[in-house]
Amino acid sequence: MITLTVNGTRRSFDGDPTMPLLWFLRDELALTGTKYGCGLALCGACTVHVDGQSARACQRQMQTLEGATVTTIEGLHPRGEHPVQVAWREIDVPQCGYCQPGQIMQAAWLLTQKPTPTDEDIDTAMNGHLCRCGTYPRIRAAIKAAEGQR
C-alpha cells in the first residue's frame, strides 16, 4: 500500500507499483487537468509538483511516492487564483490550452525558486515545455506579470 497526499487529501494506492503517477491522477482520482503529452517526459504537459519540486507525472512511478505530497493544477489554488493562473488569464496566454496546465505548474515552481527570474532563468526553467501553438511570448509575459503579484 502506497500512501501519499494529493492536493491536500491523503490518498492510498495498492495497484501496480510501477504505474506512472499520471495515470493514478487521471484514472483513479479523476484529476484530468494533468495532461498526457508524450509519455517520455519531453513535452511537459504532465508537470506537477512532488514535495515542492517540479516533476513529470508520466515518469514518476507510484512506488517512488510513499509519503510524498503531490500538487496538480487543480490543487495549485482552490479557486484558480494563484498569481500565475491570474496572469495567464489576464495576458490571455492559452490558444488551444492543452499544454497550459503543465506550463502553469512549471512557472509556479520557477517563481518559488526565483521570485524575480531573469529572461535566462525563464528560458532555462521552461525549456522542454512544448507549446504547439507557439504562445511562448505570452508565457514569458505572464511569468513576468505573476512575479509582480507575489
N, C-alpha and C. Protein backbone atom coordinates (compact mmCIF):
# COMPACT_ATOMS: atom_id res chain seq x y z
N MET A 1 0.85 -1.18 0.00
CA MET A 1 0.00 0.00 0.00
C MET A 1 0.89 1.24 0.00
N ILE A 2 0.64 2.13 -0.91
CA ILE A 2 1.37 3.39 -1.00
C ILE A 2 0.43 4.49 -0.55
N THR A 3 0.90 5.32 0.36
CA THR A 3 0.11 6.43 0.86
C THR A 3 0.81 7.73 0.49
N LEU A 4 0.06 8.66 -0.06
CA LEU A 4 0.58 9.96 -0.44
C LEU A 4 -0.51 10.99 -0.25
N THR A 5 -0.15 12.25 -0.33
CA THR A 5 -1.11 13.34 -0.22
C THR A 5 -1.19 14.03 -1.57
N VAL A 6 -2.41 14.14 -2.09
CA VAL A 6 -2.63 14.80 -3.37
C VAL A 6 -3.57 15.98 -3.14
N ASN A 7 -3.08 17.15 -3.44
CA ASN A 7 -3.86 18.39 -3.28
C ASN A 7 -4.47 18.50 -1.88
N GLY A 8 -3.68 18.12 -0.89
CA GLY A 8 -4.10 18.26 0.50
C GLY A 8 -4.91 17.11 1.06
N THR A 9 -5.23 16.12 0.24
CA THR A 9 -6.02 14.98 0.69
C THR A 9 -5.15 13.72 0.69
N ARG A 10 -5.18 13.01 1.80
CA ARG A 10 -4.41 11.77 1.92
C ARG A 10 -5.06 10.70 1.03
N ARG A 11 -4.24 10.03 0.24
CA ARG A 11 -4.72 9.01 -0.70
C ARG A 11 -3.92 7.73 -0.51
N SER A 12 -4.54 6.61 -0.85
CA SER A 12 -3.87 5.32 -0.81
C SER A 12 -3.93 4.66 -2.17
N PHE A 13 -2.92 3.87 -2.46
CA PHE A 13 -2.84 3.17 -3.74
C PHE A 13 -2.26 1.78 -3.49
N ASP A 14 -2.95 0.76 -3.97
CA ASP A 14 -2.41 -0.59 -3.81
C ASP A 14 -2.37 -1.36 -5.13
N GLY A 15 -2.23 -0.64 -6.22
CA GLY A 15 -2.13 -1.25 -7.53
C GLY A 15 -0.69 -1.53 -7.93
N ASP A 16 -0.46 -1.58 -9.21
CA ASP A 16 0.86 -1.84 -9.78
C ASP A 16 1.83 -0.73 -9.34
N PRO A 17 2.86 -1.07 -8.59
CA PRO A 17 3.76 -0.04 -8.09
C PRO A 17 4.56 0.68 -9.18
N THR A 18 4.58 0.11 -10.39
CA THR A 18 5.30 0.76 -11.48
C THR A 18 4.39 1.69 -12.30
N MET A 19 3.12 1.77 -11.92
CA MET A 19 2.20 2.64 -12.64
C MET A 19 2.66 4.10 -12.51
N PRO A 20 2.65 4.85 -13.62
CA PRO A 20 3.01 6.26 -13.53
C PRO A 20 1.99 7.06 -12.73
N LEU A 21 2.48 8.03 -12.00
CA LEU A 21 1.64 8.95 -11.25
C LEU A 21 0.56 9.56 -12.14
N LEU A 22 0.89 9.86 -13.37
CA LEU A 22 -0.08 10.46 -14.30
C LEU A 22 -1.38 9.67 -14.36
N TRP A 23 -1.27 8.34 -14.46
CA TRP A 23 -2.48 7.52 -14.59
C TRP A 23 -3.23 7.42 -13.28
N PHE A 24 -2.51 7.45 -12.16
CA PHE A 24 -3.19 7.49 -10.87
C PHE A 24 -4.00 8.77 -10.75
N LEU A 25 -3.40 9.89 -11.11
CA LEU A 25 -4.12 11.17 -11.02
C LEU A 25 -5.33 11.19 -11.94
N ARG A 26 -5.14 10.83 -13.18
CA ARG A 26 -6.22 10.93 -14.17
C ARG A 26 -7.27 9.84 -14.02
N ASP A 27 -6.83 8.59 -13.90
CA ASP A 27 -7.78 7.47 -13.92
C ASP A 27 -8.36 7.13 -12.56
N GLU A 28 -7.55 7.21 -11.52
CA GLU A 28 -8.02 6.84 -10.19
C GLU A 28 -8.67 8.02 -9.45
N LEU A 29 -8.10 9.21 -9.62
CA LEU A 29 -8.60 10.37 -8.87
C LEU A 29 -9.42 11.34 -9.72
N ALA A 30 -9.52 11.09 -11.02
CA ALA A 30 -10.27 11.95 -11.95
C ALA A 30 -9.76 13.39 -11.96
N LEU A 31 -8.46 13.56 -11.74
CA LEU A 31 -7.83 14.88 -11.82
C LEU A 31 -7.24 14.99 -13.23
N THR A 32 -8.08 15.40 -14.16
CA THR A 32 -7.71 15.36 -15.57
C THR A 32 -7.03 16.63 -16.07
N GLY A 33 -6.75 17.57 -15.19
CA GLY A 33 -6.01 18.76 -15.59
C GLY A 33 -4.59 18.43 -16.00
N THR A 34 -4.00 17.43 -15.38
CA THR A 34 -2.66 16.98 -15.74
C THR A 34 -2.80 16.17 -17.02
N LYS A 35 -2.13 16.61 -18.07
CA LYS A 35 -2.33 16.03 -19.40
C LYS A 35 -1.27 15.01 -19.77
N TYR A 36 -1.67 14.05 -20.60
CA TYR A 36 -0.73 13.13 -21.23
C TYR A 36 -0.30 13.80 -22.52
N GLY A 37 1.01 13.97 -22.67
CA GLY A 37 1.52 14.57 -23.90
C GLY A 37 2.31 13.55 -24.70
N CYS A 38 3.49 13.20 -24.19
CA CYS A 38 4.37 12.30 -24.93
C CYS A 38 4.66 11.00 -24.21
N GLY A 39 4.50 10.98 -22.90
CA GLY A 39 4.80 9.79 -22.12
C GLY A 39 6.28 9.56 -21.88
N LEU A 40 7.12 10.50 -22.33
CA LEU A 40 8.57 10.35 -22.23
C LEU A 40 9.24 11.49 -21.45
N ALA A 41 8.44 12.34 -20.81
CA ALA A 41 8.95 13.49 -20.06
C ALA A 41 9.65 14.50 -20.95
N LEU A 42 9.24 14.59 -22.20
CA LEU A 42 9.88 15.51 -23.14
C LEU A 42 9.07 16.77 -23.41
N CYS A 43 7.77 16.74 -23.13
CA CYS A 43 6.92 17.87 -23.54
C CYS A 43 6.44 18.74 -22.38
N GLY A 44 6.38 18.21 -21.17
CA GLY A 44 5.98 18.99 -20.01
C GLY A 44 4.49 19.07 -19.74
N ALA A 45 3.66 18.46 -20.56
CA ALA A 45 2.20 18.55 -20.37
C ALA A 45 1.74 17.94 -19.04
N CYS A 46 2.51 17.01 -18.52
CA CYS A 46 2.11 16.30 -17.31
C CYS A 46 2.77 16.84 -16.04
N THR A 47 3.30 18.05 -16.08
CA THR A 47 4.05 18.59 -14.94
C THR A 47 3.16 18.83 -13.73
N VAL A 48 3.64 18.34 -12.60
CA VAL A 48 3.01 18.53 -11.29
C VAL A 48 4.13 18.90 -10.32
N HIS A 49 3.77 19.14 -9.08
CA HIS A 49 4.78 19.35 -8.03
C HIS A 49 4.77 18.13 -7.11
N VAL A 50 5.93 17.58 -6.86
CA VAL A 50 6.09 16.47 -5.91
C VAL A 50 7.05 16.96 -4.83
N ASP A 51 6.53 17.04 -3.62
CA ASP A 51 7.32 17.55 -2.50
C ASP A 51 7.95 18.90 -2.83
N GLY A 52 7.16 19.75 -3.49
CA GLY A 52 7.61 21.10 -3.79
C GLY A 52 8.51 21.25 -4.99
N GLN A 53 8.79 20.16 -5.68
CA GLN A 53 9.65 20.20 -6.86
C GLN A 53 8.84 19.90 -8.11
N SER A 54 9.21 20.53 -9.20
CA SER A 54 8.57 20.25 -10.48
C SER A 54 8.89 18.82 -10.90
N ALA A 55 7.88 18.09 -11.37
CA ALA A 55 8.09 16.69 -11.76
C ALA A 55 7.18 16.33 -12.92
N ARG A 56 7.64 15.44 -13.75
CA ARG A 56 6.84 14.93 -14.87
C ARG A 56 6.11 13.69 -14.39
N ALA A 57 4.81 13.79 -14.29
CA ALA A 57 3.99 12.70 -13.74
C ALA A 57 4.01 11.45 -14.60
N CYS A 58 4.32 11.58 -15.89
CA CYS A 58 4.36 10.39 -16.75
C CYS A 58 5.53 9.49 -16.42
N GLN A 59 6.54 10.00 -15.74
CA GLN A 59 7.74 9.22 -15.45
C GLN A 59 7.91 8.88 -13.97
N ARG A 60 7.08 9.42 -13.11
CA ARG A 60 7.18 9.12 -11.67
C ARG A 60 6.34 7.90 -11.36
N GLN A 61 6.99 6.82 -11.01
CA GLN A 61 6.26 5.60 -10.67
C GLN A 61 5.68 5.72 -9.27
N MET A 62 4.54 5.11 -9.07
CA MET A 62 3.86 5.18 -7.78
C MET A 62 4.75 4.66 -6.65
N GLN A 63 5.57 3.67 -6.90
CA GLN A 63 6.42 3.10 -5.86
C GLN A 63 7.43 4.10 -5.30
N THR A 64 7.65 5.20 -6.00
CA THR A 64 8.61 6.22 -5.53
C THR A 64 7.92 7.32 -4.73
N LEU A 65 6.63 7.20 -4.49
CA LEU A 65 5.86 8.30 -3.93
C LEU A 65 5.32 8.07 -2.52
N GLU A 66 5.80 7.04 -1.85
CA GLU A 66 5.35 6.80 -0.47
C GLU A 66 5.63 8.04 0.38
N GLY A 67 4.57 8.57 0.99
CA GLY A 67 4.69 9.73 1.87
C GLY A 67 4.84 11.06 1.15
N ALA A 68 4.81 11.05 -0.16
CA ALA A 68 5.01 12.28 -0.94
C ALA A 68 3.78 13.18 -0.89
N THR A 69 4.03 14.44 -1.17
CA THR A 69 2.97 15.43 -1.32
C THR A 69 2.96 15.87 -2.78
N VAL A 70 1.83 15.67 -3.43
CA VAL A 70 1.68 15.99 -4.85
C VAL A 70 0.67 17.12 -5.00
N THR A 71 1.04 18.10 -5.82
CA THR A 71 0.11 19.18 -6.16
C THR A 71 -0.08 19.18 -7.66
N THR A 72 -1.34 19.16 -8.09
CA THR A 72 -1.68 19.23 -9.50
C THR A 72 -2.23 20.62 -9.80
N ILE A 73 -2.54 20.86 -11.04
CA ILE A 73 -3.12 22.15 -11.43
C ILE A 73 -4.41 22.42 -10.65
N GLU A 74 -5.17 21.37 -10.34
CA GLU A 74 -6.41 21.55 -9.58
C GLU A 74 -6.13 21.99 -8.14
N GLY A 75 -4.95 21.66 -7.63
CA GLY A 75 -4.62 21.98 -6.25
C GLY A 75 -3.73 23.20 -6.08
N LEU A 76 -3.36 23.82 -7.19
CA LEU A 76 -2.47 24.98 -7.10
C LEU A 76 -3.10 26.10 -6.29
N HIS A 77 -4.38 26.34 -6.52
CA HIS A 77 -5.17 27.29 -5.74
C HIS A 77 -6.62 26.83 -5.81
N PRO A 78 -7.33 26.85 -4.69
CA PRO A 78 -8.70 26.29 -4.69
C PRO A 78 -9.67 26.98 -5.65
N ARG A 79 -9.42 28.24 -5.96
CA ARG A 79 -10.32 28.97 -6.87
C ARG A 79 -9.62 29.44 -8.14
N GLY A 80 -8.45 28.87 -8.41
CA GLY A 80 -7.73 29.26 -9.62
C GLY A 80 -7.16 30.66 -9.56
N GLU A 81 -6.83 31.11 -8.34
CA GLU A 81 -6.36 32.48 -8.16
C GLU A 81 -4.87 32.56 -7.79
N HIS A 82 -4.12 31.52 -8.06
CA HIS A 82 -2.67 31.61 -7.88
C HIS A 82 -2.17 32.73 -8.80
N PRO A 83 -1.16 33.49 -8.40
CA PRO A 83 -0.68 34.59 -9.24
C PRO A 83 -0.37 34.18 -10.68
N VAL A 84 0.14 32.98 -10.88
CA VAL A 84 0.42 32.53 -12.25
C VAL A 84 -0.88 32.31 -13.01
N GLN A 85 -1.87 31.70 -12.36
CA GLN A 85 -3.16 31.48 -13.03
C GLN A 85 -3.84 32.81 -13.38
N VAL A 86 -3.76 33.76 -12.47
CA VAL A 86 -4.34 35.09 -12.72
C VAL A 86 -3.64 35.74 -13.91
N ALA A 87 -2.31 35.72 -13.90
CA ALA A 87 -1.55 36.33 -15.01
C ALA A 87 -1.85 35.63 -16.33
N TRP A 88 -1.99 34.31 -16.30
CA TRP A 88 -2.31 33.55 -17.53
C TRP A 88 -3.62 34.06 -18.13
N ARG A 89 -4.62 34.30 -17.26
CA ARG A 89 -5.91 34.79 -17.76
C ARG A 89 -5.79 36.23 -18.24
N GLU A 90 -5.14 37.06 -17.45
CA GLU A 90 -5.04 38.48 -17.81
C GLU A 90 -4.29 38.69 -19.12
N ILE A 91 -3.28 37.88 -19.37
CA ILE A 91 -2.48 38.03 -20.60
C ILE A 91 -3.09 37.21 -21.73
N ASP A 92 -4.08 36.39 -21.40
CA ASP A 92 -4.74 35.54 -22.40
C ASP A 92 -3.74 34.61 -23.08
N VAL A 93 -2.99 33.88 -22.25
CA VAL A 93 -1.92 33.02 -22.75
C VAL A 93 -2.43 31.88 -23.63
N PRO A 94 -3.41 31.09 -23.19
CA PRO A 94 -3.73 29.88 -23.95
C PRO A 94 -4.28 30.15 -25.34
N GLN A 95 -3.93 29.28 -26.23
CA GLN A 95 -4.56 29.25 -27.53
C GLN A 95 -5.41 27.99 -27.55
N CYS A 96 -4.82 26.83 -27.79
CA CYS A 96 -5.61 25.60 -27.68
C CYS A 96 -5.75 25.18 -26.22
N GLY A 97 -4.73 25.49 -25.41
CA GLY A 97 -4.78 25.27 -23.97
C GLY A 97 -4.28 23.93 -23.48
N TYR A 98 -4.00 22.98 -24.38
CA TYR A 98 -3.66 21.63 -23.93
C TYR A 98 -2.42 21.60 -23.04
N CYS A 99 -1.39 22.33 -23.39
CA CYS A 99 -0.14 22.30 -22.62
C CYS A 99 -0.16 23.23 -21.41
N GLN A 100 -1.15 24.06 -21.30
CA GLN A 100 -1.11 25.13 -20.31
C GLN A 100 -1.07 24.67 -18.85
N PRO A 101 -1.75 23.60 -18.43
CA PRO A 101 -1.58 23.19 -17.04
C PRO A 101 -0.13 22.88 -16.69
N GLY A 102 0.57 22.18 -17.56
CA GLY A 102 1.98 21.90 -17.33
C GLY A 102 2.82 23.16 -17.33
N GLN A 103 2.51 24.06 -18.24
CA GLN A 103 3.25 25.33 -18.31
C GLN A 103 3.04 26.13 -17.02
N ILE A 104 1.80 26.19 -16.56
CA ILE A 104 1.48 26.92 -15.33
C ILE A 104 2.18 26.30 -14.13
N MET A 105 2.16 24.99 -14.04
CA MET A 105 2.80 24.33 -12.90
C MET A 105 4.31 24.59 -12.91
N GLN A 106 4.92 24.56 -14.07
CA GLN A 106 6.36 24.83 -14.15
C GLN A 106 6.65 26.29 -13.80
N ALA A 107 5.83 27.20 -14.30
CA ALA A 107 6.02 28.62 -14.00
C ALA A 107 5.84 28.90 -12.51
N ALA A 108 4.85 28.26 -11.90
CA ALA A 108 4.63 28.44 -10.46
C ALA A 108 5.83 27.93 -9.67
N TRP A 109 6.37 26.79 -10.07
CA TRP A 109 7.56 26.25 -9.41
C TRP A 109 8.74 27.20 -9.59
N LEU A 110 8.92 27.70 -10.81
CA LEU A 110 10.02 28.64 -11.08
C LEU A 110 9.96 29.82 -10.11
N LEU A 111 8.79 30.38 -9.91
CA LEU A 111 8.66 31.55 -9.04
C LEU A 111 8.91 31.22 -7.57
N THR A 112 8.77 29.95 -7.18
CA THR A 112 9.15 29.58 -5.81
C THR A 112 10.66 29.51 -5.69
N GLN A 113 11.33 29.20 -6.77
CA GLN A 113 12.79 29.08 -6.77
C GLN A 113 13.48 30.43 -7.00
N LYS A 114 12.90 31.23 -7.88
CA LYS A 114 13.47 32.53 -8.25
C LYS A 114 12.32 33.52 -8.34
N PRO A 115 12.01 34.21 -7.27
CA PRO A 115 10.86 35.12 -7.25
C PRO A 115 10.92 36.25 -8.29
N THR A 116 12.11 36.62 -8.72
CA THR A 116 12.27 37.63 -9.76
C THR A 116 13.18 37.08 -10.86
N PRO A 117 12.66 36.14 -11.64
CA PRO A 117 13.50 35.47 -12.63
C PRO A 117 13.91 36.39 -13.79
N THR A 118 15.12 36.18 -14.25
CA THR A 118 15.58 36.86 -15.46
C THR A 118 15.02 36.14 -16.67
N ASP A 119 15.18 36.72 -17.85
CA ASP A 119 14.76 36.03 -19.07
C ASP A 119 15.50 34.71 -19.21
N GLU A 120 16.76 34.69 -18.84
CA GLU A 120 17.54 33.45 -18.92
C GLU A 120 16.99 32.40 -17.94
N ASP A 121 16.61 32.84 -16.73
CA ASP A 121 16.01 31.91 -15.76
C ASP A 121 14.73 31.31 -16.33
N ILE A 122 13.92 32.15 -16.95
CA ILE A 122 12.66 31.68 -17.53
C ILE A 122 12.94 30.68 -18.65
N ASP A 123 13.88 31.03 -19.54
CA ASP A 123 14.23 30.14 -20.64
C ASP A 123 14.70 28.78 -20.12
N THR A 124 15.55 28.80 -19.11
CA THR A 124 16.09 27.56 -18.55
C THR A 124 14.98 26.73 -17.92
N ALA A 125 14.15 27.36 -17.10
CA ALA A 125 13.09 26.63 -16.39
C ALA A 125 12.02 26.10 -17.34
N MET A 126 11.69 26.87 -18.35
CA MET A 126 10.60 26.48 -19.24
C MET A 126 11.07 25.63 -20.42
N ASN A 127 12.38 25.43 -20.54
CA ASN A 127 12.92 24.59 -21.61
C ASN A 127 12.33 23.19 -21.49
N GLY A 128 11.87 22.65 -22.59
CA GLY A 128 11.27 21.32 -22.57
C GLY A 128 9.78 21.33 -22.32
N HIS A 129 9.20 22.50 -22.17
CA HIS A 129 7.75 22.62 -22.06
C HIS A 129 7.26 23.12 -23.41
N LEU A 130 6.70 22.20 -24.17
CA LEU A 130 6.36 22.50 -25.55
C LEU A 130 4.94 23.03 -25.70
N CYS A 131 4.81 24.01 -26.55
CA CYS A 131 3.51 24.59 -26.89
C CYS A 131 3.39 24.56 -28.41
N ARG A 132 2.53 23.70 -28.90
CA ARG A 132 2.36 23.59 -30.35
C ARG A 132 1.80 24.86 -30.97
N CYS A 133 1.13 25.66 -30.17
CA CYS A 133 0.54 26.90 -30.69
C CYS A 133 1.53 28.06 -30.68
N GLY A 134 2.67 27.88 -30.02
CA GLY A 134 3.70 28.91 -30.02
C GLY A 134 3.39 30.12 -29.16
N THR A 135 2.77 29.90 -28.02
CA THR A 135 2.41 31.03 -27.15
C THR A 135 3.56 31.46 -26.25
N TYR A 136 4.77 31.12 -26.59
CA TYR A 136 5.93 31.40 -25.74
C TYR A 136 6.07 32.87 -25.34
N PRO A 137 5.86 33.83 -26.24
CA PRO A 137 5.97 35.23 -25.79
C PRO A 137 4.94 35.58 -24.70
N ARG A 138 3.72 35.06 -24.83
CA ARG A 138 2.70 35.33 -23.81
C ARG A 138 3.01 34.58 -22.51
N ILE A 139 3.60 33.39 -22.62
CA ILE A 139 4.00 32.65 -21.42
C ILE A 139 5.03 33.47 -20.65
N ARG A 140 6.05 33.97 -21.35
CA ARG A 140 7.07 34.79 -20.70
C ARG A 140 6.44 36.03 -20.06
N ALA A 141 5.55 36.69 -20.77
CA ALA A 141 4.90 37.89 -20.24
C ALA A 141 4.08 37.56 -18.99
N ALA A 142 3.41 36.42 -18.99
CA ALA A 142 2.60 36.03 -17.83
C ALA A 142 3.48 35.72 -16.63
N ILE A 143 4.60 35.09 -16.86
CA ILE A 143 5.52 34.81 -15.75
C ILE A 143 6.01 36.12 -15.16
N LYS A 144 6.36 37.07 -16.01
CA LYS A 144 6.80 38.39 -15.52
C LYS A 144 5.66 39.09 -14.77
N ALA A 145 4.44 38.98 -15.26
CA ALA A 145 3.30 39.60 -14.59
C ALA A 145 3.02 38.93 -13.24
N ALA A 146 3.13 37.61 -13.19
CA ALA A 146 2.89 36.88 -11.95
C ALA A 146 3.96 37.24 -10.92
N GLU A 147 5.15 37.49 -11.37
CA GLU A 147 6.24 37.89 -10.47
C GLU A 147 5.83 39.13 -9.70
N GLY A 148 5.16 40.04 -10.34
CA GLY A 148 4.72 41.28 -9.70
C GLY A 148 3.55 41.12 -8.74
N GLN A 149 2.86 39.98 -8.82
CA GLN A 149 1.69 39.75 -7.96
C GLN A 149 2.02 38.99 -6.70
N ARG A 150 3.22 38.51 -6.59
CA ARG A 150 3.61 37.67 -5.45
C ARG A 150 3.84 38.48 -4.21
